Amino acid sequence: MIILLHAFLKKVGEHFSLRKALSFWYRHNKILFFSCFFIVLLIGAWSWYYSLYQYRLSDEEKRQYIERNFRETIFKEGEFREVVDMLADRIRKAETFEVQRDIFQGKGVQEKE
């Protein structure tokens, strides 16, 4: 096993060198980046299309999904009425607020002795 690996690495070493790889990279790095970007873009577009238009759910799976995610909430009418009344009282108090004394006229202000 070790002898086969050594022979393989020796053959690869004859045809491959780090200098050739770096030279290839420096000459073609823009094309390589663009091709990688384009490949990732195509994979993303395919995944998006597949998730939108190619889904397959049986009727049983659809029913289970609806039961799991769209449970009806219980409407608590009593608590709702209490909150509405509290908000109405707050608005009514805010509208009827009056200033009892005008501090700019100086009435009722005593001087310090």
PDB file of N, CA and C in Angstrom:
ATOM      1  N   MET A   1       0.829  -1.195   0.000  1.00  0.00           N
ATOM      2  CA  MET A   1       0.000   0.000   0.000  1.00  0.00           C
ATOM      3  C   MET A   1       0.867   1.248   0.000  1.00  0.00           C
ATOM      4  N   ILE A   2       1.869   1.268   0.871  1.00  0.00           N
ATOM      5  CA  ILE A   2       2.754   2.430   0.959  1.00  0.00           C
ATOM      6  C   ILE A   2       3.559   2.571  -0.326  1.00  0.00           C
ATOM      7  N   ILE A   3       3.939   1.458  -0.909  1.00  0.00           N
ATOM      8  CA  ILE A   3       4.714   1.503  -2.149  1.00  0.00           C
ATOM      9  C   ILE A   3       3.866   2.070  -3.289  1.00  0.00           C
ATOM     10  N   LEU A   4       2.576   1.685  -3.360  1.00  0.00           N
ATOM     11  CA  LEU A   4       1.696   2.230  -4.392  1.00  0.00           C
ATOM     12  C   LEU A   4       1.506   3.729  -4.213  1.00  0.00           C
ATOM     13  N   LEU A   5       1.346   4.190  -2.978  1.00  0.00           N
ATOM     14  CA  LEU A   5       1.176   5.617  -2.710  1.00  0.00           C
ATOM     15  C   LEU A   5       2.440   6.380  -3.093  1.00  0.00           C
ATOM     16  N   HIS A   6       3.589   5.820  -2.775  1.00  0.00           N
ATOM     17  CA  HIS A   6       4.849   6.472  -3.115  1.00  0.00           C
ATOM     18  C   HIS A   6       5.026   6.569  -4.632  1.00  0.00           C
ATOM     19  N   ALA A   7       4.666   5.516  -5.344  1.00  0.00           N
ATOM     20  CA  ALA A   7       4.785   5.527  -6.806  1.00  0.00           C
ATOM     21  C   ALA A   7       3.820   6.559  -7.415  1.00  0.00           C
ATOM     22  N   PHE A   8       2.619   6.633  -6.864  1.00  0.00           N
ATOM     23  CA  PHE A   8       1.634   7.608  -7.359  1.00  0.00           C
ATOM     24  C   PHE A   8       2.132   9.035  -7.141  1.00  0.00           C
ATOM     25  N   LEU A   9       2.651   9.315  -5.955  1.00  0.00           N
ATOM     26  CA  LEU A   9       3.153  10.664  -5.663  1.00  0.00           C
ATOM     27  C   LEU A   9       4.354  11.012  -6.533  1.00  0.00           C
ATOM     28  N   LYS A  10       5.165  10.044  -6.844  1.00  0.00           N
ATOM     29  CA  LYS A  10       6.319  10.281  -7.714  1.00  0.00           C
ATOM     30  C   LYS A  10       5.864  10.649  -9.124  1.00  0.00           C
ATOM     31  N   LYS A  11       4.849   9.946  -9.648  1.00  0.00           N
ATOM     32  CA  LYS A  11       4.335  10.258 -10.990  1.00  0.00           C
ATOM     33  C   LYS A  11       3.678  11.630 -11.025  1.00  0.00           C
ATOM     34  N   VAL A  12       2.931  11.938  -9.967  1.00  0.00           N
ATOM     35  CA  VAL A  12       2.279  13.250  -9.902  1.00  0.00           C
ATOM     36  C   VAL A  12       3.330  14.345  -9.798  1.00  0.00           C
ATOM     37  N   GLY A  13       4.381  14.118  -9.046  1.00  0.00           N
ATOM     38  CA  GLY A  13       5.451  15.098  -8.887  1.00  0.00           C
ATOM     39  C   GLY A  13       6.157  15.417 -10.183  1.00  0.00           C
ATOM     40  N   GLU A  14       6.196  14.487 -11.107  1.00  0.00           N
ATOM     41  CA  GLU A  14       6.843  14.740 -12.397  1.00  0.00           C
ATOM     42  C   GLU A  14       6.049  15.734 -13.241  1.00  0.00           C
ATOM     43  N   HIS A  15       4.714  15.717 -13.123  1.00  0.00           N
ATOM     44  CA  HIS A  15       3.873  16.561 -13.963  1.00  0.00           C
ATOM     45  C   HIS A  15       3.363  17.816 -13.258  1.00  0.00           C
ATOM     46  N   PHE A  16       3.455  17.846 -11.946  1.00  0.00           N
ATOM     47  CA  PHE A  16       2.906  18.965 -11.180  1.00  0.00           C
ATOM     48  C   PHE A  16       4.021  19.683 -10.431  1.00  0.00           C
ATOM     49  N   SER A  17       3.967  20.999 -10.489  1.00  0.00           N
ATOM     50  CA  SER A  17       4.898  21.774  -9.674  1.00  0.00           C
ATOM     51  C   SER A  17       4.149  22.993  -9.136  1.00  0.00           C
ATOM     52  N   LEU A  18       4.593  23.459  -7.999  1.00  0.00           N
ATOM     53  CA  LEU A  18       3.961  24.610  -7.367  1.00  0.00           C
ATOM     54  C   LEU A  18       4.164  25.868  -8.206  1.00  0.00           C
ATOM     55  N   ARG A  19       5.307  25.973  -8.852  1.00  0.00           N
ATOM     56  CA  ARG A  19       5.592  27.135  -9.706  1.00  0.00           C
ATOM     57  C   ARG A  19       4.614  27.210 -10.877  1.00  0.00           C
ATOM     58  N   LYS A  20       4.306  26.061 -11.501  1.00  0.00           N
ATOM     59  CA  LYS A  20       3.343  26.049 -12.605  1.00  0.00           C
ATOM     60  C   LYS A  20       1.937  26.400 -12.114  1.00  0.00           C
ATOM     61  N   ALA A  21       1.572  25.900 -10.944  1.00  0.00           N
ATOM     62  CA  ALA A  21       0.242  26.179 -10.403  1.00  0.00           C
ATOM     63  C   ALA A  21       0.087  27.661 -10.077  1.00  0.00           C
ATOM     64  N   LEU A  22       1.096  28.275  -9.451  1.00  0.00           N
ATOM     65  CA  LEU A  22       1.027  29.705  -9.131  1.00  0.00           C
ATOM     66  C   LEU A  22       1.031  30.561 -10.388  1.00  0.00           C
ATOM     67  N   SER A  23       1.805  30.159 -11.365  1.00  0.00           N
ATOM     68  CA  SER A  23       1.824  30.891 -12.634  1.00  0.00           C
ATOM     69  C   SER A  23       0.449  30.838 -13.308  1.00  0.00           C
ATOM     70  N   PHE A  24      -0.148  29.665 -13.299  1.00  0.00           N
ATOM     71  CA  PHE A  24      -1.500  29.534 -13.863  1.00  0.00           C
ATOM     72  C   PHE A  24      -2.487  30.399 -13.089  1.00  0.00           C
ATOM     73  N   TRP A  25      -2.370  30.418 -11.767  1.00  0.00           N
ATOM     74  CA  TRP A  25      -3.274  31.224 -10.941  1.00  0.00           C
ATOM     75  C   TRP A  25      -3.119  32.720 -11.249  1.00  0.00           C
ATOM     76  N   TYR A  26      -1.894  33.206 -11.350  1.00  0.00           N
ATOM     77  CA  TYR A  26      -1.677  34.624 -11.607  1.00  0.00           C
ATOM     78  C   TYR A  26      -2.174  35.043 -12.992  1.00  0.00           C
ATOM     79  N   ARG A  27      -2.079  34.142 -13.961  1.00  0.00           N
ATOM     80  CA  ARG A  27      -2.545  34.478 -15.309  1.00  0.00           C
ATOM     81  C   ARG A  27      -4.058  34.433 -15.443  1.00  0.00           C
ATOM     82  N   HIS A  28      -4.729  33.564 -14.682  1.00  0.00           N
ATOM     83  CA  HIS A  28      -6.160  33.322 -14.903  1.00  0.00           C
ATOM     84  C   HIS A  28      -7.026  33.545 -13.667  1.00  0.00           C
ATOM     85  N   ASN A  29      -6.575  34.325 -12.694  1.00  0.00           N
ATOM     86  CA  ASN A  29      -7.353  34.436 -11.454  1.00  0.00           C
ATOM     87  C   ASN A  29      -8.702  35.135 -11.667  1.00  0.00           C
ATOM     88  N   LYS A  30      -8.788  36.116 -12.547  1.00  0.00           N
ATOM     89  CA  LYS A  30     -10.068  36.803 -12.774  1.00  0.00           C
ATOM     90  C   LYS A  30     -11.093  35.860 -13.400  1.00  0.00           C
ATOM     91  N   ILE A  31     -10.645  35.063 -14.344  1.00  0.00           N
ATOM     92  CA  ILE A  31     -11.551  34.111 -14.993  1.00  0.00           C
ATOM     93  C   ILE A  31     -12.010  33.048 -13.991  1.00  0.00           C
ATOM     94  N   LEU A  32     -11.092  32.593 -13.137  1.00  0.00           N
ATOM     95  CA  LEU A  32     -11.456  31.588 -12.141  1.00  0.00           C
ATOM     96  C   LEU A  32     -12.456  32.148 -11.131  1.00  0.00           C
ATOM     97  N   PHE A  33     -12.230  33.386 -10.662  1.00  0.00           N
ATOM     98  CA  PHE A  33     -13.185  33.992  -9.736  1.00  0.00           C
ATOM     99  C   PHE A  33     -14.547  34.172 -10.391  1.00  0.00           C
ATOM    100  N   PHE A  34     -14.569  34.655 -11.637  1.00  0.00           N
ATOM    101  CA  PHE A  34     -15.838  34.852 -12.324  1.00  0.00           C
ATOM    102  C   PHE A  34     -16.567  33.534 -12.539  1.00  0.00           C
ATOM    103  N   SER A  35     -15.839  32.500 -12.915  1.00  0.00           N
ATOM    104  CA  SER A  35     -16.491  31.210 -13.140  1.00  0.00           C
ATOM    105  C   SER A  35     -17.034  30.638 -11.822  1.00  0.00           C
ATOM    106  N   CYS A  36     -16.299  30.777 -10.713  1.00  0.00           N
ATOM    107  CA  CYS A  36     -16.804  30.306  -9.416  1.00  0.00           C
ATOM    108  C   CYS A  36     -18.038  31.097  -9.003  1.00  0.00           C
ATOM    109  N   PHE A  37     -18.010  32.425  -9.214  1.00  0.00           N
ATOM    110  CA  PHE A  37     -19.167  33.255  -8.895  1.00  0.00           C
ATOM    111  C   PHE A  37     -20.370  32.843  -9.731  1.00  0.00           C
ATOM    112  N   PHE A  38     -20.166  32.596 -11.005  1.00  0.00           N
ATOM    113  CA  PHE A  38     -21.252  32.206 -11.890  1.00  0.00           C
ATOM    114  C   PHE A  38     -21.827  30.847 -11.499  1.00  0.00           C
ATOM    115  N   ILE A  39     -20.974  29.908 -11.116  1.00  0.00           N
ATOM    116  CA  ILE A  39     -21.435  28.585 -10.691  1.00  0.00           C
ATOM    117  C   ILE A  39     -22.266  28.703  -9.420  1.00  0.00           C
ATOM    118  N   VAL A  40     -21.801  29.495  -8.444  1.00  0.00           N
ATOM    119  CA  VAL A  40     -22.563  29.683  -7.204  1.00  0.00           C
ATOM    120  C   VAL A  40     -23.891  30.375  -7.502  1.00  0.00           C
ATOM    121  N   LEU A  41     -23.897  31.341  -8.406  1.00  0.00           N
ATOM    122  CA  LEU A  41     -25.125  32.030  -8.795  1.00  0.00           C
ATOM    123  C   LEU A  41     -26.121  31.060  -9.434  1.00  0.00           C
ATOM    124  N   LEU A  42     -25.651  30.194 -10.298  1.00  0.00           N
ATOM    125  CA  LEU A  42     -26.536  29.213 -10.932  1.00  0.00           C
ATOM    126  C   LEU A  42     -27.098  28.221  -9.910  1.00  0.00           C
ATOM    127  N   ILE A  43     -26.274  27.780  -8.984  1.00  0.00           N
ATOM    128  CA  ILE A  43     -26.761  26.857  -7.950  1.00  0.00           C
ATOM    129  C   ILE A  43     -27.810  27.533  -7.091  1.00  0.00           C
ATOM    130  N   GLY A  44     -27.588  28.794  -6.724  1.00  0.00           N
ATOM    131  CA  GLY A  44     -28.566  29.536  -5.932  1.00  0.00           C
ATOM    132  C   GLY A  44     -29.872  29.743  -6.682  1.00  0.00           C
ATOM    133  N   ALA A  45     -29.792  30.073  -7.978  1.00  0.00           N
ATOM    134  CA  ALA A  45     -31.004  30.265  -8.776  1.00  0.00           C
ATOM    135  C   ALA A  45     -31.778  28.959  -8.909  1.00  0.00           C
ATOM    136  N   TRP A  46     -31.048  27.867  -9.135  1.00  0.00           N
ATOM    137  CA  TRP A  46     -31.720  26.575  -9.244  1.00  0.00           C
ATOM    138  C   TRP A  46     -32.386  26.205  -7.927  1.00  0.00           C
ATOM    139  N   SER A  47     -31.714  26.411  -6.819  1.00  0.00           N
ATOM    140  CA  SER A  47     -32.283  26.085  -5.510  1.00  0.00           C
ATOM    141  C   SER A  47     -33.522  26.931  -5.235  1.00  0.00           C
ATOM    142  N   TRP A  48     -33.460  28.209  -5.576  1.00  0.00           N
ATOM    143  CA  TRP A  48     -34.607  29.107  -5.375  1.00  0.00           C
ATOM    144  C   TRP A  48     -35.789  28.661  -6.235  1.00  0.00           C
ATOM    145  N   TYR A  49     -35.539  28.367  -7.508  1.00  0.00           N
ATOM    146  CA  TYR A  49     -36.600  27.911  -8.407  1.00  0.00           C
ATOM    147  C   TYR A  49     -37.191  26.601  -7.896  1.00  0.00           C
ATOM    148  N   TYR A  50     -36.342  25.670  -7.486  1.00  0.00           N
ATOM    149  CA  TYR A  50     -36.815  24.364  -7.033  1.00  0.00           C
ATOM    150  C   TYR A  50     -37.673  24.507  -5.781  1.00  0.00           C
ATOM    151  N   SER A  51     -37.263  25.390  -4.855  1.00  0.00           N
ATOM    152  CA  SER A  51     -38.041  25.532  -3.625  1.00  0.00           C
ATOM    153  C   SER A  51     -39.381  26.219  -3.878  1.00  0.00           C
ATOM    154  N   LEU A  52     -39.468  27.056  -4.914  1.00  0.00           N
ATOM    155  CA  LEU A  52     -40.725  27.748  -5.196  1.00  0.00           C
ATOM    156  C   LEU A  52     -41.689  26.938  -6.054  1.00  0.00           C
ATOM    157  N   TYR A  53     -41.182  26.284  -7.084  1.00  0.00           N
ATOM    158  CA  TYR A  53     -42.071  25.689  -8.074  1.00  0.00           C
ATOM    159  C   TYR A  53     -42.070  24.167  -8.137  1.00  0.00           C
ATOM    160  N   GLN A  54     -41.115  23.513  -7.521  1.00  0.00           N
ATOM    161  CA  GLN A  54     -41.028  22.062  -7.661  1.00  0.00           C
ATOM    162  C   GLN A  54     -41.314  21.309  -6.367  1.00  0.00           C
ATOM    163  N   TYR A  55     -42.044  21.921  -5.460  1.00  0.00           N
ATOM    164  CA  TYR A  55     -42.322  21.217  -4.209  1.00  0.00           C
ATOM    165  C   TYR A  55     -43.364  20.126  -4.457  1.00  0.00           C
ATOM    166  N   ARG A  56     -43.242  19.072  -3.702  1.00  0.00           N
ATOM    167  CA  ARG A  56     -44.166  17.948  -3.829  1.00  0.00           C
ATOM    168  C   ARG A  56     -44.597  17.532  -2.432  1.00  0.00           C
ATOM    169  N   LEU A  57     -45.841  17.813  -2.066  1.00  0.00           N
ATOM    170  CA  LEU A  57     -46.376  17.372  -0.785  1.00  0.00           C
ATOM    171  C   LEU A  57     -47.646  16.575  -1.043  1.00  0.00           C
ATOM    172  N   SER A  58     -47.756  15.472  -0.351  1.00  0.00           N
ATOM    173  CA  SER A  58     -48.986  14.699  -0.464  1.00  0.00           C
ATOM    174  C   SER A  58     -50.069  15.385   0.365  1.00  0.00           C
ATOM    175  N   ASP A  59     -51.299  14.934   0.204  1.00  0.00           N
ATOM    176  CA  ASP A  59     -52.396  15.530   0.957  1.00  0.00           C
ATOM    177  C   ASP A  59     -52.204  15.340   2.467  1.00  0.00           C
ATOM    178  N   GLU A  60     -51.662  14.205   2.863  1.00  0.00           N
ATOM    179  CA  GLU A  60     -51.417  13.941   4.279  1.00  0.00           C
ATOM    180  C   GLU A  60     -50.344  14.884   4.832  1.00  0.00           C
ATOM    181  N   GLU A  61     -49.265  15.101   4.065  1.00  0.00           N
ATOM    182  CA  GLU A  61     -48.217  16.021   4.504  1.00  0.00           C
ATOM    183  C   GLU A  61     -48.735  17.461   4.584  1.00  0.00           C
ATOM    184  N   LYS A  62     -49.585  17.851   3.641  1.00  0.00           N
ATOM    185  CA  LYS A  62     -50.175  19.193   3.692  1.00  0.00           C
ATOM    186  C   LYS A  62     -51.032  19.357   4.938  1.00  0.00           C
ATOM    187  N   ARG A  63     -51.841  18.339   5.263  1.00  0.00           N
ATOM    188  CA  ARG A  63     -52.698  18.404   6.436  1.00  0.00           C
ATOM    189  C   ARG A  63     -51.861  18.498   7.714  1.00  0.00           C
ATOM    190  N   GLN A  64     -50.802  17.702   7.800  1.00  0.00           N
ATOM    191  CA  GLN A  64     -49.935  17.756   8.967  1.00  0.00           C
ATOM    192  C   GLN A  64     -49.255  19.112   9.097  1.00  0.00           C
ATOM    193  N   TYR A  65     -48.820  19.682   7.992  1.00  0.00           N
ATOM    194  CA  TYR A  65     -48.175  20.997   8.020  1.00  0.00           C
ATOM    195  C   TYR A  65     -49.150  22.067   8.498  1.00  0.00           C
ATOM    196  N   ILE A  66     -50.371  22.026   7.992  1.00  0.00           N
ATOM    197  CA  ILE A  66     -51.373  23.012   8.400  1.00  0.00           C
ATOM    198  C   ILE A  66     -51.703  22.856   9.874  1.00  0.00           C
ATOM    199  N   GLU A  67     -51.858  21.645  10.364  1.00  0.00           N
ATOM    200  CA  GLU A  67     -52.152  21.419  11.780  1.00  0.00           C
ATOM    201  C   GLU A  67     -51.006  21.880  12.673  1.00  0.00           C
ATOM    202  N   ARG A  68     -49.783  21.694  12.228  1.00  0.00           N
ATOM    203  CA  ARG A  68     -48.629  22.041  13.037  1.00  0.00           C
ATOM    204  C   ARG A  68     -48.384  23.551  13.078  1.00  0.00           C
ATOM    205  N   ASN A  69     -48.627  24.253  11.988  1.00  0.00           N
ATOM    206  CA  ASN A  69     -48.239  25.659  11.904  1.00  0.00           C
ATOM    207  C   ASN A  69     -49.372  26.662  11.989  1.00  0.00           C
ATOM    208  N   PHE A  70     -50.592  26.265  11.737  1.00  0.00           N
ATOM    209  CA  PHE A  70     -51.688  27.222  11.718  1.00  0.00           C
ATOM    210  C   PHE A  70     -52.770  26.838  12.724  1.00  0.00           C
ATOM    211  N   ARG A  71     -52.393  26.829  13.975  1.00  0.00           N
ATOM    212  CA  ARG A  71     -53.372  26.533  15.013  1.00  0.00           C
ATOM    213  C   ARG A  71     -54.184  27.792  15.283  1.00  0.00           C
ATOM    214  N   GLU A  72     -55.462  27.613  15.466  1.00  0.00           N
ATOM    215  CA  GLU A  72     -56.342  28.746  15.717  1.00  0.00           C
ATOM    216  C   GLU A  72     -56.168  29.198  17.158  1.00  0.00           C
ATOM    217  N   THR A  73     -56.087  30.500  17.340  1.00  0.00           N
ATOM    218  CA  THR A  73     -55.945  31.025  18.691  1.00  0.00           C
ATOM    219  C   THR A  73     -57.322  31.218  19.304  1.00  0.00           C
ATOM    220  N   ILE A  74     -57.361  31.113  20.615  1.00  0.00           N
ATOM    221  CA  ILE A  74     -58.617  31.294  21.345  1.00  0.00           C
ATOM    222  C   ILE A  74     -58.767  32.782  21.638  1.00  0.00           C
ATOM    223  N   PHE A  75     -59.867  33.350  21.213  1.00  0.00           N
ATOM    224  CA  PHE A  75     -60.114  34.770  21.426  1.00  0.00           C
ATOM    225  C   PHE A  75     -60.716  34.969  22.809  1.00  0.00           C
ATOM    226  N   LYS A  76     -60.013  35.726  23.634  1.00  0.00           N
ATOM    227  CA  LYS A  76     -60.466  35.978  24.997  1.00  0.00           C
ATOM    228  C   LYS A  76     -61.174  37.329  25.006  1.00  0.00           C
ATOM    229  N   GLU A  77     -62.484  37.280  24.858  1.00  0.00           N
ATOM    230  CA  GLU A  77     -63.257  38.503  24.702  1.00  0.00           C
ATOM    231  C   GLU A  77     -63.269  39.344  25.974  1.00  0.00           C
ATOM    232  N   GLY A  78     -63.318  38.717  27.127  1.00  0.00           N
ATOM    233  CA  GLY A  78     -63.351  39.456  28.392  1.00  0.00           C
ATOM    234  C   GLY A  78     -62.093  40.299  28.585  1.00  0.00           C
ATOM    235  N   GLU A  79     -60.935  39.691  28.357  1.00  0.00           N
ATOM    236  CA  GLU A  79     -59.684  40.425  28.490  1.00  0.00           C
ATOM    237  C   GLU A  79     -59.576  41.516  27.436  1.00  0.00           C
ATOM    238  N   PHE A  80     -60.079  41.231  26.240  1.00  0.00           N
ATOM    239  CA  PHE A  80     -60.056  42.230  25.181  1.00  0.00           C
ATOM    240  C   PHE A  80     -60.886  43.449  25.581  1.00  0.00           C
ATOM    241  N   ARG A  81     -62.057  43.227  26.135  1.00  0.00           N
ATOM    242  CA  ARG A  81     -62.905  44.342  26.565  1.00  0.00           C
ATOM    243  C   ARG A  81     -62.237  45.154  27.667  1.00  0.00           C
ATOM    244  N   GLU A  82     -61.562  44.490  28.608  1.00  0.00           N
ATOM    245  CA  GLU A  82     -60.859  45.199  29.673  1.00  0.00           C
ATOM    246  C   GLU A  82     -59.766  46.100  29.118  1.00  0.00           C
ATOM    247  N   VAL A  83     -59.017  45.599  28.168  1.00  0.00           N
ATOM    248  CA  VAL A  83     -57.946  46.398  27.571  1.00  0.00           C
ATOM    249  C   VAL A  83     -58.524  47.586  26.811  1.00  0.00           C
ATOM    250  N   VAL A  84     -59.613  47.371  26.060  1.00  0.00           N
ATOM    251  CA  VAL A  84     -60.243  48.464  25.323  1.00  0.00           C
ATOM    252  C   VAL A  84     -60.760  49.520  26.286  1.00  0.00           C
ATOM    253  N   ASP A  85     -61.386  49.118  27.380  1.00  0.00           N
ATOM    254  CA  ASP A  85     -61.875  50.073  28.378  1.00  0.00           C
ATOM    255  C   ASP A  85     -60.726  50.846  29.022  1.00  0.00           C
ATOM    256  N   MET A  86     -59.643  50.160  29.338  1.00  0.00           N
ATOM    257  CA  MET A  86     -58.492  50.823  29.938  1.00  0.00           C
ATOM    258  C   MET A  86     -57.911  51.869  28.985  1.00  0.00           C
ATOM    259  N   LEU A  87     -57.807  51.534  27.693  1.00  0.00           N
ATOM    260  CA  LEU A  87     -57.292  52.490  26.713  1.00  0.00           C
ATOM    261  C   LEU A  87     -58.237  53.667  26.538  1.00  0.00           C
ATOM    262  N   ALA A  88     -59.534  53.410  26.558  1.00  0.00           N
ATOM    263  CA  ALA A  88     -60.513  54.498  26.445  1.00  0.00           C
ATOM    264  C   ALA A  88     -60.416  55.428  27.654  1.00  0.00           C
ATOM    265  N   ASP A  89     -60.255  54.878  28.870  1.00  0.00           N
ATOM    266  CA  ASP A  89     -60.090  55.708  30.072  1.00  0.00           C
ATOM    267  C   ASP A  89     -58.820  56.543  29.986  1.00  0.00           C
ATOM    268  N   ARG A  90     -57.752  55.953  29.503  1.00  0.00           N
ATOM    269  CA  ARG A  90     -56.493  56.679  29.374  1.00  0.00           C
ATOM    270  C   ARG A  90     -56.637  57.846  28.396  1.00  0.00           C
ATOM    271  N   ILE A  91     -57.324  57.617  27.288  1.00  0.00           N
ATOM    272  CA  ILE A  91     -57.530  58.693  26.309  1.00  0.00           C
ATOM    273  C   ILE A  91     -58.420  59.780  26.895  1.00  0.00           C
ATOM    274  N   ARG A  92     -59.457  59.383  27.603  1.00  0.00           N
ATOM    275  CA  ARG A  92     -60.373  60.348  28.207  1.00  0.00           C
ATOM    276  C   ARG A  92     -59.639  61.211  29.245  1.00  0.00           C
ATOM    277  N   LYS A  93     -58.784  60.626  30.058  1.00  0.00           N
ATOM    278  CA  LYS A  93     -58.020  61.377  31.052  1.00  0.00           C
ATOM    279  C   LYS A  93     -57.022  62.313  30.388  1.00  0.00           C
ATOM    280  N   ALA A  94     -56.419  61.875  29.295  1.00  0.00           N
ATOM    281  CA  ALA A  94     -55.459  62.715  28.590  1.00  0.00           C
ATOM    282  C   ALA A  94     -56.147  63.922  27.963  1.00  0.00           C
ATOM    283  N   GLU A  95     -57.378  63.756  27.515  1.00  0.00           N
ATOM    284  CA  GLU A  95     -58.101  64.866  26.889  1.00  0.00           C
ATOM    285  C   GLU A  95     -58.595  65.869  27.926  1.00  0.00           C
ATOM    286  N   THR A  96     -58.924  65.453  29.118  1.00  0.00           N
ATOM    287  CA  THR A  96     -59.513  66.347  30.119  1.00  0.00           C
ATOM    288  C   THR A  96     -58.473  66.924  31.073  1.00  0.00           C
ATOM    289  N   PHE A  97     -57.214  66.758  30.813  1.00  0.00           N
ATOM    290  CA  PHE A  97     -56.170  67.284  31.680  1.00  0.00           C
ATOM    291  C   PHE A  97     -56.116  68.800  31.556  1.00  0.00           C
ATOM    292  N   GLU A  98     -56.172  69.481  32.690  1.00  0.00           N
ATOM    293  CA  GLU A  98     -56.116  70.941  32.704  1.00  0.00           C
ATOM    294  C   GLU A  98     -55.063  71.382  33.702  1.00  0.00           C
ATOM    295  N   VAL A  99     -54.380  72.467  33.369  1.00  0.00           N
ATOM    296  CA  VAL A  99     -53.392  73.030  34.271  1.00  0.00           C
ATOM    297  C   VAL A  99     -54.133  73.872  35.298  1.00  0.00           C
ATOM    298  N   GLN A 100     -53.910  73.644  36.575  1.00  0.00           N
ATOM    299  CA  GLN A 100     -54.621  74.346  37.643  1.00  0.00           C
ATOM    300  C   GLN A 100     -54.058  75.737  37.882  1.00  0.00           C
ATOM    301  N   ARG A 101     -52.758  75.925  37.712  1.00  0.00           N
ATOM    302  CA  ARG A 101     -52.150  77.205  38.009  1.00  0.00           C
ATOM    303  C   ARG A 101     -51.199  77.578  36.889  1.00  0.00           C
ATOM    304  N   ASP A 102     -51.226  78.803  36.461  1.00  0.00           N
ATOM    305  CA  ASP A 102     -50.336  79.276  35.414  1.00  0.00           C
ATOM    306  C   ASP A 102     -49.064  79.789  36.063  1.00  0.00           C
ATOM    307  N   ILE A 103     -47.954  79.128  35.857  1.00  0.00           N
ATOM    308  CA  ILE A 103     -46.714  79.510  36.527  1.00  0.00           C
ATOM    309  C   ILE A 103     -46.075  80.736  35.894  1.00  0.00           C
ATOM    310  N   PHE A 104     -46.502  81.092  34.694  1.00  0.00           N
ATOM    311  CA  PHE A 104     -45.896  82.235  34.028  1.00  0.00           C
ATOM    312  C   PHE A 104     -46.480  83.566  34.500  1.00  0.00           C
ATOM    313  N   GLN A 105     -47.661  83.576  35.078  1.00  0.00           N
ATOM    314  CA  GLN A 105     -48.254  84.815  35.574  1.00  0.00           C
ATOM    315  C   GLN A 105     -47.799  85.120  36.992  1.00  0.00           C
ATOM    316  N   GLY A 106     -47.336  84.169  37.736  1.00  0.00           N
ATOM    317  CA  GLY A 106     -46.801  84.414  39.065  1.00  0.00           C
ATOM    318  C   GLY A 106     -47.858  84.471  40.145  1.00  0.00           C
ATOM    319  N   LYS A 107     -49.063  84.075  39.893  1.00  0.00           N
ATOM    320  CA  LYS A 107     -50.097  84.098  40.924  1.00  0.00           C
ATOM    321  C   LYS A 107     -49.875  82.966  41.900  1.00  0.00           C
ATOM    322  N   GLY A 108     -49.938  83.248  43.157  1.00  0.00           N
ATOM    323  CA  GLY A 108     -49.785  82.221  44.190  1.00  0.00           C
ATOM    324  C   GLY A 108     -48.361  81.892  44.497  1.00  0.00           C
ATOM    325  N   VAL A 109     -47.393  82.646  43.915  1.00  0.00           N
ATOM    326  CA  VAL A 109     -45.993  82.384  44.187  1.00  0.00           C
ATOM    327  C   VAL A 109     -45.540  83.290  45.309  1.00  0.00           C
ATOM    328  N   GLN A 110     -44.900  82.741  46.281  1.00  0.00           N
ATOM    329  CA  GLN A 110     -44.428  83.535  47.421  1.00  0.00           C
ATOM    330  C   GLN A 110     -42.923  83.780  47.283  1.00  0.00           C
ATOM    331  N   GLU A 111     -42.519  84.976  47.670  1.00  0.00           N
ATOM    332  CA  GLU A 111     -41.114  85.314  47.587  1.00  0.00           C
ATOM    333  C   GLU A 111     -40.371  84.756  48.785  1.00  0.00           C
ATOM    334  N   LYS A 112     -39.133  84.413  48.588  1.00  0.00           N
ATOM    335  CA  LYS A 112     -38.284  83.952  49.694  1.00  0.00           C
ATOM    336  C   LYS A 112     -37.820  85.135  50.507  1.00  0.00           C
ATOM    337  N   GLU A 113     -37.832  84.998  51.787  1.00  0.00           N
ATOM    338  CA  GLU A 113     -37.383  86.107  52.640  1.00  0.00           C
ATOM    339  C   GLU A 113     -35.999  85.872  53.174  1.00  0.00           C
TER     340      GLU A 113
END
